Amino acid sequence: MCANQLNAEFVIEGDVFRVIRQLTYQMEDVRRDPMIEQGWTPDIDRFLYDLAKSVPKDKPPVRVRIVVNGQYSSRPAPQAEAPASSGEIVRSIPRYICELWPSLLTTTWELLGTLEARYRTGFNEDEIRAALVTMTASVAKALES
């Protein structure tokens, strides 16, 4: 997708992250074949689930900064970095997972459909669409060479 850039990063604002977190939690529960076509694996699912879970729900962050690294592992673990004093939480993820995350979220959303997504995530269609657009644009900008 992009040149190998090791210092890429992007920010997901707290309100958007809440939507992304809930949609990420649903990835494992949709039809498997379309997800596999997008690059989904159980290890990637576990990684993203753990990353979403690692951000405290009770004290929503102002922002979640994702630092993209060149690590490639068959079973990576989300790496927490020291929180910034501004209410920002920092997480480090491998580039290949960062490249897949937006398309996996979009496929999850499409497979769930509007009503099921609302039921499972608590967010309406407009909130989900806006979060996906923001996430996809942020990742693309961070990874462009």
Protein backbone atom coordinates (compact mmCIF):
# COMPACT_ATOMS: atom_id res chain seq x y z
CA MET A 1 0.00 0.00 0.00
CA CYS A 2 2.69 2.50 0.99
CA ALA A 3 6.40 2.87 1.34
CA ASN A 4 7.83 1.50 4.56
CA GLN A 5 7.48 4.48 6.87
CA LEU A 6 8.33 3.70 10.47
CA ASN A 7 7.38 6.92 12.22
CA ALA A 8 3.79 7.22 11.02
CA GLU A 9 1.10 8.07 13.51
CA PHE A 10 -2.47 9.28 13.60
CA VAL A 11 -4.96 10.44 16.19
CA ILE A 12 -8.45 9.19 16.85
CA GLU A 13 -10.48 11.63 18.90
CA GLY A 14 -12.19 10.16 21.97
CA ASP A 15 -15.75 10.29 20.54
CA VAL A 16 -14.66 8.60 17.32
CA PHE A 17 -12.62 6.03 19.23
CA ARG A 18 -15.69 4.96 21.21
CA VAL A 19 -17.41 4.02 17.92
CA ILE A 20 -14.27 2.36 16.52
CA ARG A 21 -13.86 0.38 19.74
CA GLN A 22 -17.39 -1.01 19.61
CA LEU A 23 -17.13 -1.88 15.93
CA THR A 24 -13.74 -3.53 16.54
CA TYR A 25 -15.35 -5.70 19.23
CA GLN A 26 -17.83 -6.97 16.61
CA MET A 27 -15.27 -8.11 14.01
CA GLU A 28 -15.11 -11.64 15.35
CA ASP A 29 -18.88 -12.05 15.27
CA VAL A 30 -19.58 -11.49 11.58
CA ARG A 31 -19.39 -13.91 8.66
CA ARG A 32 -15.85 -15.15 8.30
CA ASP A 33 -15.35 -15.42 4.50
CA PRO A 34 -15.70 -11.70 3.66
CA MET A 35 -13.45 -10.83 6.59
CA ILE A 36 -10.76 -13.29 5.48
CA GLU A 37 -10.91 -11.76 1.99
CA GLN A 38 -10.02 -8.41 3.60
CA GLY A 39 -7.02 -9.93 5.43
CA TRP A 40 -8.67 -10.82 8.76
CA THR A 41 -6.99 -13.51 10.86
CA PRO A 42 -7.73 -14.60 14.43
CA ASP A 43 -4.40 -13.07 15.52
CA ILE A 44 -5.22 -9.69 13.97
CA ASP A 45 -8.68 -9.83 15.50
CA ARG A 46 -7.21 -10.55 18.94
CA PHE A 47 -4.64 -7.79 18.55
CA LEU A 48 -7.25 -5.16 17.64
CA TYR A 49 -9.64 -6.39 20.32
CA ASP A 50 -6.89 -6.13 22.93
CA LEU A 51 -5.89 -2.69 21.67
CA ALA A 52 -9.49 -1.44 21.90
CA LYS A 53 -9.87 -2.97 25.35
CA SER A 54 -6.60 -1.43 26.55
CA VAL A 55 -8.09 2.06 26.38
CA PRO A 56 -10.03 2.61 29.61
CA LYS A 57 -13.79 2.97 29.15
CA ASP A 58 -14.47 4.65 32.47
CA LYS A 59 -12.21 7.62 31.72
CA PRO A 60 -12.62 8.30 28.01
CA PRO A 61 -9.47 9.82 26.56
CA VAL A 62 -9.50 13.11 24.78
CA ARG A 63 -7.49 11.42 22.03
CA VAL A 64 -5.93 8.09 21.18
CA ARG A 65 -2.67 8.44 19.26
CA ILE A 66 -1.70 5.40 17.23
CA VAL A 67 1.99 5.03 16.48
CA VAL A 68 2.64 2.77 13.51
CA ASN A 69 5.76 0.63 13.70
CA GLY A 70 7.48 -1.73 11.30
CA GLN A 71 7.06 -4.74 13.58
CA TYR A 72 5.79 -7.88 11.89
CA SER A 73 4.84 -10.78 14.08
CA SER A 74 2.38 -13.61 13.68
CA ARG A 75 0.97 -12.79 17.10
CA PRO A 76 1.72 -9.20 18.05
CA ALA A 77 0.55 -7.62 21.26
CA PRO A 78 -0.58 -4.00 21.50
CA GLN A 79 2.13 -1.89 23.01
CA ALA A 80 1.08 0.78 25.45
CA GLU A 81 3.20 3.85 25.68
CA ALA A 82 3.22 6.35 28.51
CA PRO A 83 0.08 8.49 28.45
CA ALA A 84 0.52 12.12 27.60
CA SER A 85 -0.48 14.61 30.26
CA SER A 86 -3.19 16.05 28.00
CA GLY A 87 -5.52 13.06 28.33
CA GLU A 88 -4.01 11.45 25.26
CA ILE A 89 -3.43 7.71 25.25
CA VAL A 90 -0.73 6.31 22.98
CA ARG A 91 -0.74 2.83 21.47
CA SER A 92 1.75 1.27 19.05
CA ILE A 93 0.64 -1.15 16.34
CA PRO A 94 2.33 -2.91 13.43
CA ARG A 95 1.99 -1.26 10.04
CA TYR A 96 0.37 -4.27 8.37
CA ILE A 97 -2.44 -4.24 10.95
CA CYS A 98 -2.84 -0.48 10.63
CA GLU A 99 -3.27 -0.92 6.87
CA LEU A 100 -6.02 -3.52 7.40
CA TRP A 101 -7.95 -2.00 10.29
CA PRO A 102 -10.12 0.49 8.31
CA SER A 103 -11.20 -2.08 5.70
CA LEU A 104 -11.92 -4.67 8.40
CA LEU A 105 -14.08 -2.13 10.24
CA THR A 106 -15.92 -1.19 7.04
CA THR A 107 -16.56 -4.84 6.18
CA THR A 108 -17.80 -5.48 9.72
CA TRP A 109 -20.20 -2.54 9.41
CA GLU A 110 -21.47 -3.76 6.03
CA LEU A 111 -21.97 -7.31 7.29
CA LEU A 112 -23.82 -6.18 10.40
CA GLY A 113 -26.10 -3.75 8.60
CA THR A 114 -27.65 -0.64 10.10
CA LEU A 115 -30.04 -2.18 12.62
CA GLU A 116 -27.75 -4.93 13.89
CA ALA A 117 -24.85 -2.48 14.18
CA ARG A 118 -27.03 -0.12 16.20
CA TYR A 119 -28.12 -2.97 18.46
CA ARG A 120 -24.58 -4.31 18.99
CA THR A 121 -22.64 -1.05 19.25
CA GLY A 122 -25.16 1.45 20.58
CA PHE A 123 -24.29 3.90 17.78
CA ASN A 124 -26.51 4.97 14.91
CA GLU A 125 -25.70 4.80 11.23
CA ASP A 126 -24.54 8.42 10.96
CA GLU A 127 -22.17 8.06 13.92
CA ILE A 128 -20.68 4.85 12.52
CA ARG A 129 -20.28 6.22 8.99
CA ALA A 130 -18.64 9.40 10.29
CA ALA A 131 -16.23 7.42 12.49
CA LEU A 132 -15.29 5.13 9.58
CA VAL A 133 -14.65 8.07 7.26
CA THR A 134 -12.51 9.78 9.90
CA MET A 135 -10.58 6.60 10.71
CA THR A 136 -9.96 5.71 7.06
CA ALA A 137 -8.78 9.23 6.20
CA SER A 138 -6.52 9.40 9.26
CA VAL A 139 -4.86 6.07 8.49
CA ALA A 140 -4.43 6.90 4.79
CA LYS A 141 -2.83 10.26 5.61
CA ALA A 142 -0.50 8.71 8.19
CA LEU A 143 0.66 5.97 5.83
CA GLU A 144 1.14 7.99 2.68
CA SER A 145 4.74 8.30 1.69
